[in-house]
Structure formats: C-alpha cells, structure tokens
C-alpha cells in the first residue's frame, strides 16, 4: 500500500523509532535502515500539519546515495515516495534525513 505523505505526522513515525525500514535506492538496490530519530520543527502559518523530520540510520559504510526521491517501505506505515538527503556518516553507516512540512 502506498501512503499519501500529506497524511503522515510525527506521531506516526514516533511509534516506529528503532524499527526497520527499507530504502529502494534503485532497481535491485535495497538497503535496510532503522528509524533513529523524529524531530519536531517550528511551525509556521497556513500548514495543515506541524513540520517534522526523520533520521534513518543505514549500515552502508562504503557507499552513499545522493539526495533524491526514493521508495521507503515499513511494515506498519507502508510504501512511500520520499525525498531523502544523506546527512552524515558514523560508525554504523550513512544517515539519511527526510523533512515533512
């Protein structure tokens, strides 16, 4: 099931912290990731929801993918087309961020 991004809230993701997600970077390239963090962002007028961001932690140590729209899958939330940005690398691997406004 494909999820409409405009209906997702920080609370939807908050309940999935530590759970597995799968990022389809390209045909045949699937990376496992864990939801590491959900951050509430400052609100501004005329938005239907309060902005937030999510941080996904992968175990990819030798390769990262550029910012782009990728398919993200999670058991409870379903499939979504989401813009991910690589924001850093740590001892576990590369981290990707998505911002919802």
PDB file of N, CA and C in Angstrom:
ATOM      1  N   UNK A   1       0.842  -1.180   0.000  1.00  0.00           N
ATOM      2  CA  UNK A   1       0.000   0.000   0.000  1.00  0.00           C
ATOM      3  C   UNK A   1       0.884   1.239   0.000  1.00  0.00           C
ATOM      4  N   UNK A   2       0.617   2.168  -0.909  1.00  0.00           N
ATOM      5  CA  UNK A   2       1.354   3.428  -0.969  1.00  0.00           C
ATOM      6  C   UNK A   2       0.659   4.452  -0.088  1.00  0.00           C
ATOM      7  N   UNK A   3       1.439   5.144   0.722  1.00  0.00           N
ATOM      8  CA  UNK A   3       0.926   6.104   1.691  1.00  0.00           C
ATOM      9  C   UNK A   3       0.999   7.510   1.107  1.00  0.00           C
ATOM     10  N   UNK A   4      -0.038   8.298   1.337  1.00  0.00           N
ATOM     11  CA  UNK A   4      -0.033   9.714   0.947  1.00  0.00           C
ATOM     12  C   UNK A   4       0.726  10.491   2.012  1.00  0.00           C
ATOM     13  N   UNK A   5       1.841  11.087   1.641  1.00  0.00           N
ATOM     14  CA  UNK A   5       2.716  11.742   2.604  1.00  0.00           C
ATOM     15  C   UNK A   5       2.034  12.846   3.396  1.00  0.00           C
ATOM     16  N   UNK A   6       1.096  13.531   2.780  1.00  0.00           N
ATOM     17  CA  UNK A   6       0.445  14.652   3.461  1.00  0.00           C
ATOM     18  C   UNK A   6      -0.365  14.217   4.684  1.00  0.00           C
ATOM     19  N   UNK A   7      -0.647  12.922   4.784  1.00  0.00           N
ATOM     20  CA  UNK A   7      -1.424  12.424   5.928  1.00  0.00           C
ATOM     21  C   UNK A   7      -0.554  11.942   7.077  1.00  0.00           C
ATOM     22  N   UNK A   8       0.744  11.838   6.873  1.00  0.00           N
ATOM     23  CA  UNK A   8       1.641  11.365   7.922  1.00  0.00           C
ATOM     24  C   UNK A   8       1.989  12.481   8.896  1.00  0.00           C
ATOM     25  N   UNK A   9       2.124  12.117  10.162  1.00  0.00           N
ATOM     26  CA  UNK A   9       2.511  13.071  11.202  1.00  0.00           C
ATOM     27  C   UNK A   9       3.724  12.538  11.952  1.00  0.00           C
ATOM     28  N   UNK A  10       4.302  13.398  12.771  1.00  0.00           N
ATOM     29  CA  UNK A  10       5.439  12.973  13.590  1.00  0.00           C
ATOM     30  C   UNK A  10       5.052  11.797  14.483  1.00  0.00           C
ATOM     31  N   UNK A  11       3.825  11.789  14.983  1.00  0.00           N
ATOM     32  CA  UNK A  11       3.366  10.696  15.858  1.00  0.00           C
ATOM     33  C   UNK A  11       3.370   9.352  15.124  1.00  0.00           C
ATOM     34  N   UNK A  12       3.043   9.363  13.836  1.00  0.00           N
ATOM     35  CA  UNK A  12       3.065   8.123  13.056  1.00  0.00           C
ATOM     36  C   UNK A  12       4.466   7.518  13.063  1.00  0.00           C
ATOM     37  N   UNK A  13       5.475   8.363  12.925  1.00  0.00           N
ATOM     38  CA  UNK A  13       6.854   7.886  12.893  1.00  0.00           C
ATOM     39  C   UNK A  13       7.398   7.641  14.300  1.00  0.00           C
ATOM     40  N   UNK A  14       6.988   8.448  15.264  1.00  0.00           N
ATOM     41  CA  UNK A  14       7.479   8.314  16.640  1.00  0.00           C
ATOM     42  C   UNK A  14       7.291   6.888  17.149  1.00  0.00           C
ATOM     43  N   UNK A  15       6.173   6.286  16.811  1.00  0.00           N
ATOM     44  CA  UNK A  15       5.894   4.926  17.283  1.00  0.00           C
ATOM     45  C   UNK A  15       6.758   3.877  16.574  1.00  0.00           C
ATOM     46  N   UNK A  16       7.508   4.290  15.556  1.00  0.00           N
ATOM     47  CA  UNK A  16       8.336   3.351  14.789  1.00  0.00           C
ATOM     48  C   UNK A  16       9.839   3.531  15.044  1.00  0.00           C
ATOM     49  N   UNK A  17      10.224   4.369  16.005  1.00  0.00           N
ATOM     50  CA  UNK A  17      11.647   4.558  16.314  1.00  0.00           C
ATOM     51  C   UNK A  17      12.267   3.219  16.688  1.00  0.00           C
ATOM     52  N   UNK A  18      13.399   2.920  16.075  1.00  0.00           N
ATOM     53  CA  UNK A  18      14.107   1.661  16.310  1.00  0.00           C
ATOM     54  C   UNK A  18      13.658   0.535  15.403  1.00  0.00           C
ATOM     55  N   UNK A  19      12.583   0.747  14.675  1.00  0.00           N
ATOM     56  CA  UNK A  19      12.067  -0.296  13.787  1.00  0.00           C
ATOM     57  C   UNK A  19      12.727  -0.236  12.417  1.00  0.00           C
ATOM     58  N   UNK A  20      12.626  -1.347  11.703  1.00  0.00           N
ATOM     59  CA  UNK A  20      13.252  -1.475  10.397  1.00  0.00           C
ATOM     60  C   UNK A  20      12.439  -0.805   9.294  1.00  0.00           C
ATOM     61  N   UNK A  21      13.158  -0.128   8.412  1.00  0.00           N
ATOM     62  CA  UNK A  21      12.645   0.454   7.185  1.00  0.00           C
ATOM     63  C   UNK A  21      13.513  -0.090   6.063  1.00  0.00           C
ATOM     64  N   UNK A  22      13.019  -0.026   4.843  1.00  0.00           N
ATOM     65  CA  UNK A  22      13.797  -0.456   3.688  1.00  0.00           C
ATOM     66  C   UNK A  22      13.753   0.646   2.651  1.00  0.00           C
ATOM     67  N   UNK A  23      14.938   1.015   2.149  1.00  0.00           N
ATOM     68  CA  UNK A  23      15.056   2.069   1.159  1.00  0.00           C
ATOM     69  C   UNK A  23      15.418   1.437  -0.176  1.00  0.00           C
ATOM     70  N   UNK A  24      14.585   1.682  -1.186  1.00  0.00           N
ATOM     71  CA  UNK A  24      14.852   1.218  -2.553  1.00  0.00           C
ATOM     72  C   UNK A  24      15.606   2.335  -3.265  1.00  0.00           C
ATOM     73  N   UNK A  25      16.932   2.224  -3.316  1.00  0.00           N
ATOM     74  CA  UNK A  25      17.742   3.264  -3.941  1.00  0.00           C
ATOM     75  C   UNK A  25      17.681   3.205  -5.461  1.00  0.00           C
ATOM     76  N   UNK A  26      17.563   2.013  -6.006  1.00  0.00           N
ATOM     77  CA  UNK A  26      17.399   1.831  -7.446  1.00  0.00           C
ATOM     78  C   UNK A  26      16.951   0.397  -7.672  1.00  0.00           C
ATOM     79  N   UNK A  27      16.693   0.038  -8.896  1.00  0.00           N
ATOM     80  CA  UNK A  27      16.263  -1.325  -9.198  1.00  0.00           C
ATOM     81  C   UNK A  27      17.321  -2.303  -8.712  1.00  0.00           C
ATOM     82  N   UNK A  28      16.922  -3.187  -7.828  1.00  0.00           N
ATOM     83  CA  UNK A  28      17.830  -4.193  -7.303  1.00  0.00           C
ATOM     84  C   UNK A  28      18.702  -3.732  -6.156  1.00  0.00           C
ATOM     85  N   UNK A  29      18.609  -2.469  -5.751  1.00  0.00           N
ATOM     86  CA  UNK A  29      19.411  -1.965  -4.634  1.00  0.00           C
ATOM     87  C   UNK A  29      18.477  -1.601  -3.487  1.00  0.00           C
ATOM     88  N   UNK A  30      18.463  -2.458  -2.478  1.00  0.00           N
ATOM     89  CA  UNK A  30      17.600  -2.295  -1.309  1.00  0.00           C
ATOM     90  C   UNK A  30      18.487  -2.233  -0.077  1.00  0.00           C
ATOM     91  N   UNK A  31      18.322  -1.212   0.737  1.00  0.00           N
ATOM     92  CA  UNK A  31      19.117  -1.061   1.951  1.00  0.00           C
ATOM     93  C   UNK A  31      18.209  -1.051   3.169  1.00  0.00           C
ATOM     94  N   UNK A  32      18.608  -1.799   4.179  1.00  0.00           N
ATOM     95  CA  UNK A  32      17.892  -1.779   5.451  1.00  0.00           C
ATOM     96  C   UNK A  32      18.314  -0.539   6.228  1.00  0.00           C
ATOM     97  N   UNK A  33      17.382   0.024   6.972  1.00  0.00           N
ATOM     98  CA  UNK A  33      17.660   1.197   7.801  1.00  0.00           C
ATOM     99  C   UNK A  33      16.785   1.109   9.050  1.00  0.00           C
ATOM    100  N   UNK A  34      17.224   1.778  10.091  1.00  0.00           N
ATOM    101  CA  UNK A  34      16.402   1.900  11.291  1.00  0.00           C
ATOM    102  C   UNK A  34      16.043   3.361  11.482  1.00  0.00           C
ATOM    103  N   UNK A  35      14.812   3.589  11.942  1.00  0.00           N
ATOM    104  CA  UNK A  35      14.410   4.953  12.257  1.00  0.00           C
ATOM    105  C   UNK A  35      15.095   5.332  13.565  1.00  0.00           C
ATOM    106  N   UNK A  36      15.972   6.321  13.471  1.00  0.00           N
ATOM    107  CA  UNK A  36      16.786   6.712  14.612  1.00  0.00           C
ATOM    108  C   UNK A  36      16.164   7.842  15.417  1.00  0.00           C
ATOM    109  N   UNK A  37      15.511   8.781  14.714  1.00  0.00           N
ATOM    110  CA  UNK A  37      15.042   9.979  15.407  1.00  0.00           C
ATOM    111  C   UNK A  37      13.898  10.630  14.648  1.00  0.00           C
ATOM    112  N   UNK A  38      12.977  11.246  15.402  1.00  0.00           N
ATOM    113  CA  UNK A  38      11.914  12.086  14.853  1.00  0.00           C
ATOM    114  C   UNK A  38      12.037  13.431  15.563  1.00  0.00           C
ATOM    115  N   UNK A  39      12.132  14.506  14.792  1.00  0.00           N
ATOM    116  CA  UNK A  39      12.345  15.836  15.370  1.00  0.00           C
ATOM    117  C   UNK A  39      11.202  16.758  14.958  1.00  0.00           C
ATOM    118  N   UNK A  40      10.532  17.353  15.945  1.00  0.00           N
ATOM    119  CA  UNK A  40       9.522  18.374  15.654  1.00  0.00           C
ATOM    120  C   UNK A  40      10.233  19.643  15.220  1.00  0.00           C
ATOM    121  N   UNK A  41       9.722  20.282  14.183  1.00  0.00           N
ATOM    122  CA  UNK A  41      10.292  21.518  13.664  1.00  0.00           C
ATOM    123  C   UNK A  41       9.334  22.673  13.925  1.00  0.00           C
ATOM    124  N   UNK A  42       9.850  23.911  13.939  1.00  0.00           N
ATOM    125  CA  UNK A  42       8.963  25.056  14.184  1.00  0.00           C
ATOM    126  C   UNK A  42       7.852  25.142  13.131  1.00  0.00           C
ATOM    127  N   UNK A  43       6.666  25.443  13.601  1.00  0.00           N
ATOM    128  CA  UNK A  43       5.519  25.586  12.696  1.00  0.00           C
ATOM    129  C   UNK A  43       5.459  27.014  12.162  1.00  0.00           C
ATOM    130  N   UNK A  44       4.790  27.159  11.037  1.00  0.00           N
ATOM    131  CA  UNK A  44       4.522  28.485  10.502  1.00  0.00           C
ATOM    132  C   UNK A  44       3.115  28.462   9.910  1.00  0.00           C
ATOM    133  N   UNK A  45       2.509  29.643   9.717  1.00  0.00           N
ATOM    134  CA  UNK A  45       1.101  29.718   9.315  1.00  0.00           C
ATOM    135  C   UNK A  45       0.795  28.978   8.004  1.00  0.00           C
ATOM    136  N   UNK A  46      -0.458  28.602   7.881  1.00  0.00           N
ATOM    137  CA  UNK A  46      -1.026  28.008   6.671  1.00  0.00           C
ATOM    138  C   UNK A  46      -0.544  26.593   6.365  1.00  0.00           C
ATOM    139  N   UNK A  47      -0.041  25.894   7.342  1.00  0.00           N
ATOM    140  CA  UNK A  47       0.330  24.493   7.137  1.00  0.00           C
ATOM    141  C   UNK A  47      -0.750  23.595   7.724  1.00  0.00           C
ATOM    142  N   UNK A  48      -1.008  22.498   7.063  1.00  0.00           N
ATOM    143  CA  UNK A  48      -2.014  21.563   7.558  1.00  0.00           C
ATOM    144  C   UNK A  48      -1.497  20.723   8.716  1.00  0.00           C
ATOM    145  N   UNK A  49      -0.173  20.557   8.813  1.00  0.00           N
ATOM    146  CA  UNK A  49       0.395  19.786   9.919  1.00  0.00           C
ATOM    147  C   UNK A  49       1.650  20.494  10.410  1.00  0.00           C
ATOM    148  N   UNK A  50       2.076  20.127  11.605  1.00  0.00           N
ATOM    149  CA  UNK A  50       3.315  20.662  12.170  1.00  0.00           C
ATOM    150  C   UNK A  50       4.494  19.996  11.476  1.00  0.00           C
ATOM    151  N   UNK A  51       5.472  20.752  10.991  1.00  0.00           N
ATOM    152  CA  UNK A  51       6.631  20.161  10.308  1.00  0.00           C
ATOM    153  C   UNK A  51       7.465  19.284  11.242  1.00  0.00           C
ATOM    154  N   UNK A  52       8.107  18.289  10.653  1.00  0.00           N
ATOM    155  CA  UNK A  52       8.974  17.396  11.413  1.00  0.00           C
ATOM    156  C   UNK A  52       9.973  16.770  10.449  1.00  0.00           C
ATOM    157  N   UNK A  53      10.993  16.172  11.018  1.00  0.00           N
ATOM    158  CA  UNK A  53      11.961  15.447  10.201  1.00  0.00           C
ATOM    159  C   UNK A  53      12.189  14.073  10.816  1.00  0.00           C
ATOM    160  N   UNK A  54      12.682  13.164   9.973  1.00  0.00           N
ATOM    161  CA  UNK A  54      13.052  11.832  10.453  1.00  0.00           C
ATOM    162  C   UNK A  54      14.505  11.574  10.046  1.00  0.00           C
ATOM    163  N   UNK A  55      15.190  10.786  10.852  1.00  0.00           N
ATOM    164  CA  UNK A  55      16.563  10.406  10.570  1.00  0.00           C
ATOM    165  C   UNK A  55      16.635   8.887  10.504  1.00  0.00           C
ATOM    166  N   UNK A  56      17.082   8.385   9.362  1.00  0.00           N
ATOM    167  CA  UNK A  56      17.218   6.942   9.138  1.00  0.00           C
ATOM    168  C   UNK A  56      18.689   6.567   9.161  1.00  0.00           C
ATOM    169  N   UNK A  57      19.020   5.509   9.883  1.00  0.00           N
ATOM    170  CA  UNK A  57      20.398   5.023  10.001  1.00  0.00           C
ATOM    171  C   UNK A  57      20.555   3.740   9.193  1.00  0.00           C
ATOM    172  N   UNK A  58      21.456   3.753   8.226  1.00  0.00           N
ATOM    173  CA  UNK A  58      21.743   2.538   7.463  1.00  0.00           C
ATOM    174  C   UNK A  58      23.053   1.931   7.965  1.00  0.00           C
ATOM    175  N   UNK A  59      23.363   0.744   7.466  1.00  0.00           N
ATOM    176  CA  UNK A  59      24.636   0.105   7.793  1.00  0.00           C
ATOM    177  C   UNK A  59      25.599   0.187   6.614  1.00  0.00           C
ATOM    178  N   UNK A  60      25.282   1.003   5.630  1.00  0.00           N
ATOM    179  CA  UNK A  60      26.140   1.192   4.455  1.00  0.00           C
ATOM    180  C   UNK A  60      27.354   2.016   4.859  1.00  0.00           C
ATOM    181  N   UNK A  61      28.499   1.393   4.880  1.00  0.00           N
ATOM    182  CA  UNK A  61      29.705   2.102   5.308  1.00  0.00           C
ATOM    183  C   UNK A  61      30.549   2.592   4.139  1.00  0.00           C
ATOM    184  N   UNK A  62      30.456   1.935   2.999  1.00  0.00           N
ATOM    185  CA  UNK A  62      31.335   2.259   1.886  1.00  0.00           C
ATOM    186  C   UNK A  62      30.664   3.013   0.752  1.00  0.00           C
ATOM    187  N   UNK A  63      29.368   3.215   0.844  1.00  0.00           N
ATOM    188  CA  UNK A  63      28.657   3.853  -0.257  1.00  0.00           C
ATOM    189  C   UNK A  63      27.486   4.664   0.279  1.00  0.00           C
ATOM    190  N   UNK A  64      27.233   5.803  -0.356  1.00  0.00           N
ATOM    191  CA  UNK A  64      26.026   6.557  -0.043  1.00  0.00           C
ATOM    192  C   UNK A  64      25.370   6.953  -1.353  1.00  0.00           C
ATOM    193  N   UNK A  65      24.099   7.273  -1.277  1.00  0.00           N
ATOM    194  CA  UNK A  65      23.339   7.668  -2.460  1.00  0.00           C
ATOM    195  C   UNK A  65      22.997   9.147  -2.350  1.00  0.00           C
ATOM    196  N   UNK A  66      22.977   9.869  -3.476  1.00  0.00           N
ATOM    197  CA  UNK A  66      22.728  11.310  -3.439  1.00  0.00           C
ATOM    198  C   UNK A  66      21.279  11.619  -3.063  1.00  0.00           C
ATOM    199  N   UNK A  67      21.048  12.865  -2.714  1.00  0.00           N
ATOM    200  CA  UNK A  67      19.683  13.271  -2.397  1.00  0.00           C
ATOM    201  C   UNK A  67      18.803  13.074  -3.616  1.00  0.00           C
ATOM    202  N   UNK A  68      17.647  12.479  -3.369  1.00  0.00           N
ATOM    203  CA  UNK A  68      16.711  12.177  -4.454  1.00  0.00           C
ATOM    204  C   UNK A  68      15.439  11.604  -3.837  1.00  0.00           C
ATOM    205  N   UNK A  69      14.461  11.374  -4.683  1.00  0.00           N
ATOM    206  CA  UNK A  69      13.226  10.710  -4.244  1.00  0.00           C
ATOM    207  C   UNK A  69      13.437   9.207  -4.377  1.00  0.00           C
ATOM    208  N   UNK A  70      13.233   8.505  -3.258  1.00  0.00           N
ATOM    209  CA  UNK A  70      13.378   7.050  -3.210  1.00  0.00           C
ATOM    210  C   UNK A  70      12.114   6.443  -2.619  1.00  0.00           C
ATOM    211  N   UNK A  71      11.933   5.150  -2.832  1.00  0.00           N
ATOM    212  CA  UNK A  71      10.821   4.438  -2.216  1.00  0.00           C
ATOM    213  C   UNK A  71      11.269   3.944  -0.851  1.00  0.00           C
ATOM    214  N   UNK A  72      10.484   4.272   0.157  1.00  0.00           N
ATOM    215  CA  UNK A  72      10.742   3.851   1.532  1.00  0.00           C
ATOM    216  C   UNK A  72       9.604   2.934   1.944  1.00  0.00           C
ATOM    217  N   UNK A  73       9.944   1.794   2.542  1.00  0.00           N
ATOM    218  CA  UNK A  73       8.935   0.824   2.983  1.00  0.00           C
ATOM    219  C   UNK A  73       9.089   0.529   4.455  1.00  0.00           C
ATOM    220  N   UNK A  74       7.956   0.354   5.119  1.00  0.00           N
ATOM    221  CA  UNK A  74       7.960  -0.030   6.529  1.00  0.00           C
ATOM    222  C   UNK A  74       6.688  -0.822   6.791  1.00  0.00           C
ATOM    223  N   UNK A  75       6.789  -1.858   7.604  1.00  0.00           N
ATOM    224  CA  UNK A  75       5.663  -2.780   7.822  1.00  0.00           C
ATOM    225  C   UNK A  75       4.389  -2.065   8.276  1.00  0.00           C
ATOM    226  N   UNK A  76       4.482  -1.184   9.242  1.00  0.00           N
ATOM    227  CA  UNK A  76       3.284  -0.526   9.782  1.00  0.00           C
ATOM    228  C   UNK A  76       2.822   0.668   8.946  1.00  0.00           C
ATOM    229  N   UNK A  77       3.754   1.358   8.288  1.00  0.00           N
ATOM    230  CA  UNK A  77       3.417   2.583   7.561  1.00  0.00           C
ATOM    231  C   UNK A  77       3.188   2.373   6.071  1.00  0.00           C
ATOM    232  N   UNK A  78       3.705   1.289   5.506  1.00  0.00           N
ATOM    233  CA  UNK A  78       3.525   1.018   4.087  1.00  0.00           C
ATOM    234  C   UNK A  78       4.649   1.587   3.242  1.00  0.00           C
ATOM    235  N   UNK A  79       4.354   1.804   1.943  1.00  0.00           N
ATOM    236  CA  UNK A  79       5.325   2.338   0.974  1.00  0.00           C
ATOM    237  C   UNK A  79       5.073   3.819   0.757  1.00  0.00           C
ATOM    238  N   UNK A  80       6.162   4.553   0.580  1.00  0.00           N
ATOM    239  CA  UNK A  80       6.031   5.979   0.295  1.00  0.00           C
ATOM    240  C   UNK A  80       7.183   6.424  -0.588  1.00  0.00           C
ATOM    241  N   UNK A  81       6.899   7.375  -1.442  1.00  0.00           N
ATOM    242  CA  UNK A  81       7.922   8.021  -2.251  1.00  0.00           C
ATOM    243  C   UNK A  81       8.379   9.226  -1.446  1.00  0.00           C
ATOM    244  N   UNK A  82       9.667   9.269  -1.107  1.00  0.00           N
ATOM    245  CA  UNK A  82      10.135  10.276  -0.166  1.00  0.00           C
ATOM    246  C   UNK A  82      11.485  10.840  -0.598  1.00  0.00           C
ATOM    247  N   UNK A  83      11.676  12.130  -0.382  1.00  0.00           N
ATOM    248  CA  UNK A  83      12.936  12.800  -0.708  1.00  0.00           C
ATOM    249  C   UNK A  83      13.889  12.603   0.465  1.00  0.00           C
ATOM    250  N   UNK A  84      14.977  11.891   0.224  1.00  0.00           N
ATOM    251  CA  UNK A  84      15.978  11.626   1.257  1.00  0.00           C
ATOM    252  C   UNK A  84      17.276  12.342   0.933  1.00  0.00           C
ATOM    253  N   UNK A  85      17.926  12.833   1.986  1.00  0.00           N
ATOM    254  CA  UNK A  85      19.196  13.536   1.863  1.00  0.00           C
ATOM    255  C   UNK A  85      20.217  12.842   2.758  1.00  0.00           C
ATOM    256  N   UNK A  86      21.380  12.465   2.218  1.00  0.00           N
ATOM    257  CA  UNK A  86      22.420  11.913   3.089  1.00  0.00           C
ATOM    258  C   UNK A  86      22.968  13.055   3.951  1.00  0.00           C
ATOM    259  N   UNK A  87      22.969  12.872   5.271  1.00  0.00           N
ATOM    260  CA  UNK A  87      23.366  13.972   6.157  1.00  0.00           C
ATOM    261  C   UNK A  87      24.609  13.666   6.981  1.00  0.00           C
ATOM    262  N   UNK A  88      25.107  12.459   6.908  1.00  0.00           N
ATOM    263  CA  UNK A  88      26.307  12.157   7.671  1.00  0.00           C
ATOM    264  C   UNK A  88      26.619  10.684   7.681  1.00  0.00           C
ATOM    265  N   UNK A  89      27.763  10.408   8.228  1.00  0.00           N
ATOM    266  CA  UNK A  89      28.226   9.031   8.363  1.00  0.00           C
ATOM    267  C   UNK A  89      28.768   8.882   9.772  1.00  0.00           C
ATOM    268  N   UNK A  90      28.468   7.758  10.402  1.00  0.00           N
ATOM    269  CA  UNK A  90      29.017   7.469  11.715  1.00  0.00           C
ATOM    270  C   UNK A  90      29.567   6.047  11.706  1.00  0.00           C
ATOM    271  N   UNK A  91      29.874   5.515  12.871  1.00  0.00           N
ATOM    272  CA  UNK A  91      30.467   4.181  12.937  1.00  0.00           C
ATOM    273  C   UNK A  91      29.530   3.089  12.434  1.00  0.00           C
ATOM    274  N   UNK A  92      28.242   3.351  12.424  1.00  0.00           N
ATOM    275  CA  UNK A  92      27.265   2.358  11.944  1.00  0.00           C
ATOM    276  C   UNK A  92      27.102   2.391  10.427  1.00  0.00           C
ATOM    277  N   UNK A  93      27.186   3.585   9.841  1.00  0.00           N
ATOM    278  CA  UNK A  93      26.970   3.738   8.409  1.00  0.00           C
ATOM    279  C   UNK A  93      26.463   5.132   8.069  1.00  0.00           C
ATOM    280  N   UNK A  94      25.774   5.243   6.944  1.00  0.00           N
ATOM    281  CA  UNK A  94      25.289   6.540   6.444  1.00  0.00           C
ATOM    282  C   UNK A  94      23.889   6.816   7.002  1.00  0.00           C
ATOM    283  N   UNK A  95      23.662   8.098   7.321  1.00  0.00           N
ATOM    284  CA  UNK A  95      22.354   8.548   7.805  1.00  0.00           C
ATOM    285  C   UNK A  95      21.671   9.376   6.718  1.00  0.00           C
ATOM    286  N   UNK A  96      20.358   9.207   6.610  1.00  0.00           N
ATOM    287  CA  UNK A  96      19.545   9.957   5.653  1.00  0.00           C
ATOM    288  C   UNK A  96      18.431  10.673   6.409  1.00  0.00           C
ATOM    289  N   UNK A  97      18.107  11.886   5.941  1.00  0.00           N
ATOM    290  CA  UNK A  97      17.058  12.678   6.565  1.00  0.00           C
ATOM    291  C   UNK A  97      15.950  12.973   5.563  1.00  0.00           C
ATOM    292  N   UNK A  98      14.729  13.013   6.066  1.00  0.00           N
ATOM    293  CA  UNK A  98      13.566  13.462   5.294  1.00  0.00           C
ATOM    294  C   UNK A  98      12.849  14.522   6.129  1.00  0.00           C
ATOM    295  N   UNK A  99      12.428  15.598   5.474  1.00  0.00           N
ATOM    296  CA  UNK A  99      11.724  16.684   6.158  1.00  0.00           C
ATOM    297  C   UNK A  99      10.298  16.721   5.624  1.00  0.00           C
ATOM    298  N   UNK A 100       9.349  16.805   6.544  1.00  0.00           N
ATOM    299  CA  UNK A 100       7.918  16.883   6.195  1.00  0.00           C
ATOM    300  C   UNK A 100       7.419  18.245   6.643  1.00  0.00           C
ATOM    301  N   UNK A 101       6.862  19.010   5.687  1.00  0.00           N
ATOM    302  CA  UNK A 101       6.332  20.333   6.059  1.00  0.00           C
ATOM    303  C   UNK A 101       4.906  20.466   5.615  1.00  0.00           C
TER     304      UNK A 101
END
